[in-house]
Amino acid sequence: MRKEHLKNYLKAICKGRAHRMTSQELEHELGLSGTQLRELVNQLRKERIPIASDRYGYFYASTAGEVYETIRFLQRIDAGLQATIRGLEESLHEISTKDGNANG
């Protein structure tokens, strides 16, 4: 139910980048936590609903370009997370050489 409500709200009120809303605004308007909002957006996207976003907010994509820009935005986030994971994995070597084992 919340998922449908979010989809309908974005489609009616936030159609296109010019009408995007920040996470905080959507949370307030829809009575959601930040975690709930992100989970619902993720579910809708997996269901092929074109929920777009950038660092300024969420919106219902009205053009293919808005979807492509969101994909590139998410790819940059993913690349940053992958670099962070690699750094942590490589830090295990430092810990294992200092402590004599690799278990945390």
N, C-alpha and C. Protein backbone atom coordinates (compact mmCIF):
# COMPACT_ATOMS: atom_id res chain seq x y z
N MET A 1 0.82 -1.20 0.00
CA MET A 1 0.00 0.00 0.00
C MET A 1 0.86 1.26 0.00
N ARG A 2 1.85 1.31 0.89
CA ARG A 2 2.73 2.48 0.94
C ARG A 2 3.47 2.65 -0.38
N LYS A 3 3.84 1.51 -0.98
CA LYS A 3 4.58 1.56 -2.24
C LYS A 3 3.72 2.20 -3.33
N GLU A 4 2.48 1.78 -3.43
CA GLU A 4 1.56 2.35 -4.43
C GLU A 4 1.32 3.83 -4.15
N HIS A 5 1.20 4.17 -2.88
CA HIS A 5 0.97 5.56 -2.51
C HIS A 5 2.16 6.43 -2.92
N LEU A 6 3.38 5.93 -2.67
CA LEU A 6 4.57 6.67 -3.08
C LEU A 6 4.62 6.83 -4.59
N LYS A 7 4.38 5.74 -5.31
CA LYS A 7 4.39 5.81 -6.78
C LYS A 7 3.38 6.83 -7.29
N ASN A 8 2.17 6.76 -6.80
CA ASN A 8 1.12 7.68 -7.25
C ASN A 8 1.44 9.12 -6.88
N TYR A 9 1.99 9.32 -5.70
CA TYR A 9 2.34 10.67 -5.26
C TYR A 9 3.43 11.26 -6.17
N LEU A 10 4.48 10.48 -6.40
CA LEU A 10 5.56 10.97 -7.26
C LEU A 10 5.06 11.25 -8.67
N LYS A 11 4.24 10.35 -9.18
CA LYS A 11 3.73 10.51 -10.55
C LYS A 11 2.84 11.74 -10.67
N ALA A 12 2.07 12.04 -9.64
CA ALA A 12 1.14 13.18 -9.70
C ALA A 12 1.80 14.50 -9.33
N ILE A 13 2.67 14.50 -8.33
CA ILE A 13 3.21 15.74 -7.77
C ILE A 13 4.65 16.01 -8.21
N CYS A 14 5.40 14.97 -8.45
CA CYS A 14 6.84 15.12 -8.70
C CYS A 14 7.23 14.57 -10.07
N LYS A 15 6.48 14.90 -11.09
CA LYS A 15 6.77 14.38 -12.43
C LYS A 15 7.81 15.27 -13.09
N GLY A 16 8.97 14.68 -13.33
CA GLY A 16 10.07 15.40 -13.97
C GLY A 16 10.97 16.07 -12.95
N ARG A 17 12.21 16.26 -13.36
CA ARG A 17 13.25 16.84 -12.49
C ARG A 17 12.84 18.19 -11.90
N ALA A 18 12.13 18.98 -12.66
CA ALA A 18 11.75 20.32 -12.18
C ALA A 18 10.85 20.25 -10.95
N HIS A 19 10.24 19.10 -10.70
CA HIS A 19 9.30 18.96 -9.59
C HIS A 19 9.81 17.99 -8.51
N ARG A 20 11.10 17.75 -8.51
CA ARG A 20 11.65 16.80 -7.52
C ARG A 20 11.45 17.32 -6.10
N MET A 21 11.45 16.37 -5.18
CA MET A 21 11.35 16.69 -3.76
C MET A 21 12.50 16.02 -3.02
N THR A 22 12.97 16.68 -2.00
CA THR A 22 14.04 16.09 -1.20
C THR A 22 13.49 14.89 -0.43
N SER A 23 14.40 14.06 0.02
CA SER A 23 14.02 12.92 0.84
C SER A 23 13.26 13.39 2.07
N GLN A 24 13.75 14.43 2.72
CA GLN A 24 13.10 14.94 3.93
C GLN A 24 11.68 15.42 3.64
N GLU A 25 11.49 16.08 2.52
CA GLU A 25 10.14 16.56 2.16
C GLU A 25 9.19 15.38 1.94
N LEU A 26 9.68 14.37 1.21
CA LEU A 26 8.84 13.19 0.96
C LEU A 26 8.54 12.43 2.25
N GLU A 27 9.54 12.30 3.09
CA GLU A 27 9.34 11.62 4.37
C GLU A 27 8.24 12.32 5.16
N HIS A 28 8.31 13.64 5.22
CA HIS A 28 7.32 14.43 5.96
C HIS A 28 5.93 14.30 5.33
N GLU A 29 5.86 14.46 4.03
CA GLU A 29 4.57 14.41 3.33
C GLU A 29 3.89 13.05 3.44
N LEU A 30 4.70 11.97 3.40
CA LEU A 30 4.14 10.62 3.34
C LEU A 30 4.23 9.86 4.66
N GLY A 31 4.80 10.50 5.68
CA GLY A 31 4.91 9.83 6.98
C GLY A 31 5.83 8.62 6.97
N LEU A 32 6.95 8.74 6.27
CA LEU A 32 7.92 7.65 6.16
C LEU A 32 9.23 8.04 6.81
N SER A 33 9.99 7.04 7.22
CA SER A 33 11.36 7.30 7.65
C SER A 33 12.24 7.30 6.40
N GLY A 34 13.45 7.77 6.54
CA GLY A 34 14.37 7.76 5.42
C GLY A 34 14.64 6.36 4.91
N THR A 35 14.78 5.43 5.84
CA THR A 35 15.02 4.03 5.47
C THR A 35 13.82 3.46 4.71
N GLN A 36 12.62 3.74 5.19
CA GLN A 36 11.41 3.25 4.51
C GLN A 36 11.32 3.82 3.10
N LEU A 37 11.60 5.11 2.95
CA LEU A 37 11.53 5.75 1.64
C LEU A 37 12.52 5.10 0.68
N ARG A 38 13.76 4.92 1.11
CA ARG A 38 14.77 4.30 0.24
C ARG A 38 14.39 2.88 -0.15
N GLU A 39 13.84 2.11 0.80
CA GLU A 39 13.42 0.75 0.51
C GLU A 39 12.29 0.72 -0.51
N LEU A 40 11.31 1.61 -0.35
CA LEU A 40 10.19 1.67 -1.28
C LEU A 40 10.64 2.10 -2.67
N VAL A 41 11.53 3.09 -2.74
CA VAL A 41 12.05 3.53 -4.03
C VAL A 41 12.77 2.37 -4.71
N ASN A 42 13.58 1.64 -3.96
CA ASN A 42 14.31 0.50 -4.50
C ASN A 42 13.35 -0.56 -5.03
N GLN A 43 12.30 -0.86 -4.28
CA GLN A 43 11.30 -1.85 -4.72
C GLN A 43 10.62 -1.40 -6.01
N LEU A 44 10.22 -0.13 -6.06
CA LEU A 44 9.55 0.38 -7.26
C LEU A 44 10.47 0.31 -8.47
N ARG A 45 11.72 0.67 -8.30
CA ARG A 45 12.66 0.62 -9.41
C ARG A 45 12.83 -0.81 -9.92
N LYS A 46 12.87 -1.77 -9.01
CA LYS A 46 12.99 -3.17 -9.41
C LYS A 46 11.76 -3.63 -10.18
N GLU A 47 10.63 -2.97 -9.94
CA GLU A 47 9.39 -3.27 -10.65
C GLU A 47 9.25 -2.45 -11.93
N ARG A 48 10.33 -1.83 -12.35
CA ARG A 48 10.39 -1.06 -13.60
C ARG A 48 9.60 0.25 -13.56
N ILE A 49 9.44 0.80 -12.38
CA ILE A 49 8.80 2.11 -12.23
C ILE A 49 9.93 3.14 -12.28
N PRO A 50 9.84 4.14 -13.16
CA PRO A 50 10.96 5.06 -13.38
C PRO A 50 11.10 6.15 -12.31
N ILE A 51 11.47 5.71 -11.11
CA ILE A 51 11.71 6.67 -10.04
C ILE A 51 13.15 7.16 -10.20
N ALA A 52 13.28 8.42 -10.48
CA ALA A 52 14.60 9.01 -10.72
C ALA A 52 15.04 9.77 -9.47
N SER A 53 16.33 10.04 -9.42
CA SER A 53 16.86 10.81 -8.30
C SER A 53 18.20 11.40 -8.69
N ASP A 54 18.55 12.41 -7.92
CA ASP A 54 19.89 12.97 -7.99
C ASP A 54 20.23 13.41 -6.57
N ARG A 55 21.28 14.13 -6.39
CA ARG A 55 21.67 14.47 -5.02
C ARG A 55 20.72 15.48 -4.37
N TYR A 56 19.76 15.98 -5.15
CA TYR A 56 18.82 16.97 -4.62
C TYR A 56 17.44 16.41 -4.32
N GLY A 57 17.14 15.19 -4.78
CA GLY A 57 15.83 14.63 -4.47
C GLY A 57 15.36 13.55 -5.41
N TYR A 58 14.10 13.18 -5.22
CA TYR A 58 13.45 12.12 -5.99
C TYR A 58 12.37 12.72 -6.88
N PHE A 59 12.11 12.03 -7.99
CA PHE A 59 11.04 12.45 -8.87
C PHE A 59 10.66 11.29 -9.79
N TYR A 60 9.48 11.39 -10.38
CA TYR A 60 9.03 10.39 -11.35
C TYR A 60 9.55 10.84 -12.71
N ALA A 61 10.42 10.03 -13.30
CA ALA A 61 11.06 10.42 -14.56
C ALA A 61 10.02 10.65 -15.65
N SER A 62 10.23 11.72 -16.40
CA SER A 62 9.32 12.02 -17.51
C SER A 62 10.01 11.87 -18.86
N THR A 63 11.32 11.63 -18.84
CA THR A 63 12.07 11.42 -20.09
C THR A 63 13.08 10.29 -19.90
N ALA A 64 13.49 9.71 -21.02
CA ALA A 64 14.53 8.67 -20.96
C ALA A 64 15.82 9.27 -20.42
N GLY A 65 16.10 10.52 -20.76
CA GLY A 65 17.31 11.18 -20.27
C GLY A 65 17.36 11.24 -18.76
N GLU A 66 16.22 11.47 -18.12
CA GLU A 66 16.19 11.50 -16.65
C GLU A 66 16.50 10.13 -16.07
N VAL A 67 16.03 9.08 -16.74
CA VAL A 67 16.33 7.72 -16.29
C VAL A 67 17.82 7.44 -16.46
N TYR A 68 18.38 7.80 -17.62
CA TYR A 68 19.81 7.57 -17.87
C TYR A 68 20.68 8.34 -16.87
N GLU A 69 20.30 9.56 -16.55
CA GLU A 69 21.06 10.35 -15.57
C GLU A 69 21.01 9.70 -14.18
N THR A 70 19.86 9.14 -13.84
CA THR A 70 19.74 8.43 -12.56
C THR A 70 20.61 7.19 -12.56
N ILE A 71 20.63 6.47 -13.67
CA ILE A 71 21.49 5.28 -13.77
C ILE A 71 22.94 5.68 -13.57
N ARG A 72 23.39 6.74 -14.21
CA ARG A 72 24.78 7.20 -14.05
C ARG A 72 25.05 7.64 -12.61
N PHE A 73 24.09 8.31 -11.99
CA PHE A 73 24.21 8.72 -10.59
C PHE A 73 24.40 7.50 -9.69
N LEU A 74 23.59 6.47 -9.89
CA LEU A 74 23.69 5.25 -9.10
C LEU A 74 24.99 4.51 -9.37
N GLN A 75 25.45 4.54 -10.61
CA GLN A 75 26.73 3.89 -10.94
C GLN A 75 27.89 4.57 -10.23
N ARG A 76 27.85 5.89 -10.10
CA ARG A 76 28.91 6.60 -9.36
C ARG A 76 28.88 6.23 -7.88
N ILE A 77 27.69 6.10 -7.33
CA ILE A 77 27.57 5.67 -5.93
C ILE A 77 28.13 4.26 -5.78
N ASP A 78 27.77 3.38 -6.70
CA ASP A 78 28.25 2.00 -6.65
C ASP A 78 29.77 1.94 -6.76
N ALA A 79 30.36 2.73 -7.64
CA ALA A 79 31.82 2.74 -7.78
C ALA A 79 32.48 3.18 -6.49
N GLY A 80 31.90 4.17 -5.84
CA GLY A 80 32.44 4.63 -4.56
C GLY A 80 32.34 3.56 -3.48
N LEU A 81 31.21 2.87 -3.45
CA LEU A 81 31.04 1.79 -2.47
C LEU A 81 32.01 0.64 -2.74
N GLN A 82 32.22 0.32 -4.01
CA GLN A 82 33.15 -0.76 -4.35
C GLN A 82 34.57 -0.39 -3.93
N ALA A 83 34.96 0.87 -4.12
CA ALA A 83 36.29 1.32 -3.69
C ALA A 83 36.42 1.23 -2.17
N THR A 84 35.36 1.57 -1.46
CA THR A 84 35.37 1.49 -0.01
C THR A 84 35.52 0.04 0.44
N ILE A 85 34.78 -0.85 -0.19
CA ILE A 85 34.87 -2.28 0.14
C ILE A 85 36.28 -2.80 -0.11
N ARG A 86 36.86 -2.43 -1.26
CA ARG A 86 38.24 -2.87 -1.56
C ARG A 86 39.21 -2.37 -0.49
N GLY A 87 39.06 -1.13 -0.08
CA GLY A 87 39.93 -0.58 0.95
C GLY A 87 39.81 -1.34 2.25
N LEU A 88 38.59 -1.66 2.64
CA LEU A 88 38.38 -2.44 3.87
C LEU A 88 38.96 -3.84 3.75
N GLU A 89 38.74 -4.46 2.58
CA GLU A 89 39.30 -5.80 2.38
C GLU A 89 40.83 -5.77 2.48
N GLU A 90 41.43 -4.74 1.89
CA GLU A 90 42.89 -4.63 1.95
C GLU A 90 43.36 -4.29 3.35
N SER A 91 42.52 -3.65 4.14
CA SER A 91 42.91 -3.33 5.52
C SER A 91 43.02 -4.60 6.36
N LEU A 92 42.37 -5.66 5.95
CA LEU A 92 42.45 -6.92 6.69
C LEU A 92 43.89 -7.42 6.75
N HIS A 93 44.66 -7.15 5.72
CA HIS A 93 46.06 -7.56 5.72
C HIS A 93 46.82 -6.85 6.84
N GLU A 94 46.55 -5.57 7.02
CA GLU A 94 47.20 -4.82 8.09
C GLU A 94 46.83 -5.37 9.46
N ILE A 95 45.56 -5.67 9.62
CA ILE A 95 45.10 -6.19 10.91
C ILE A 95 45.70 -7.57 11.17
N SER A 96 45.71 -8.42 10.15
CA SER A 96 46.23 -9.77 10.37
C SER A 96 47.72 -9.77 10.65
N THR A 97 48.48 -8.83 10.07
CA THR A 97 49.90 -8.80 10.34
C THR A 97 50.19 -8.21 11.71
N LYS A 98 49.35 -7.31 12.18
CA LYS A 98 49.55 -6.71 13.51
C LYS A 98 49.10 -7.64 14.62
N ASP A 99 47.94 -8.29 14.42
CA ASP A 99 47.38 -9.12 15.47
C ASP A 99 47.75 -10.59 15.37
N GLY A 100 48.33 -10.97 14.26
CA GLY A 100 48.70 -12.37 14.08
C GLY A 100 47.59 -13.22 13.54
N ASN A 101 46.40 -12.64 13.27
CA ASN A 101 45.32 -13.41 12.64
C ASN A 101 44.43 -12.48 11.86
N ALA A 102 43.56 -13.04 11.05
CA ALA A 102 42.67 -12.25 10.21
C ALA A 102 41.26 -12.19 10.77
N ASN A 103 41.03 -12.75 11.92
CA ASN A 103 39.70 -12.72 12.51
C ASN A 103 39.52 -11.50 13.39
N GLY A 104 38.36 -10.82 13.22
CA GLY A 104 38.12 -9.57 13.89
C GLY A 104 37.72 -9.68 15.29
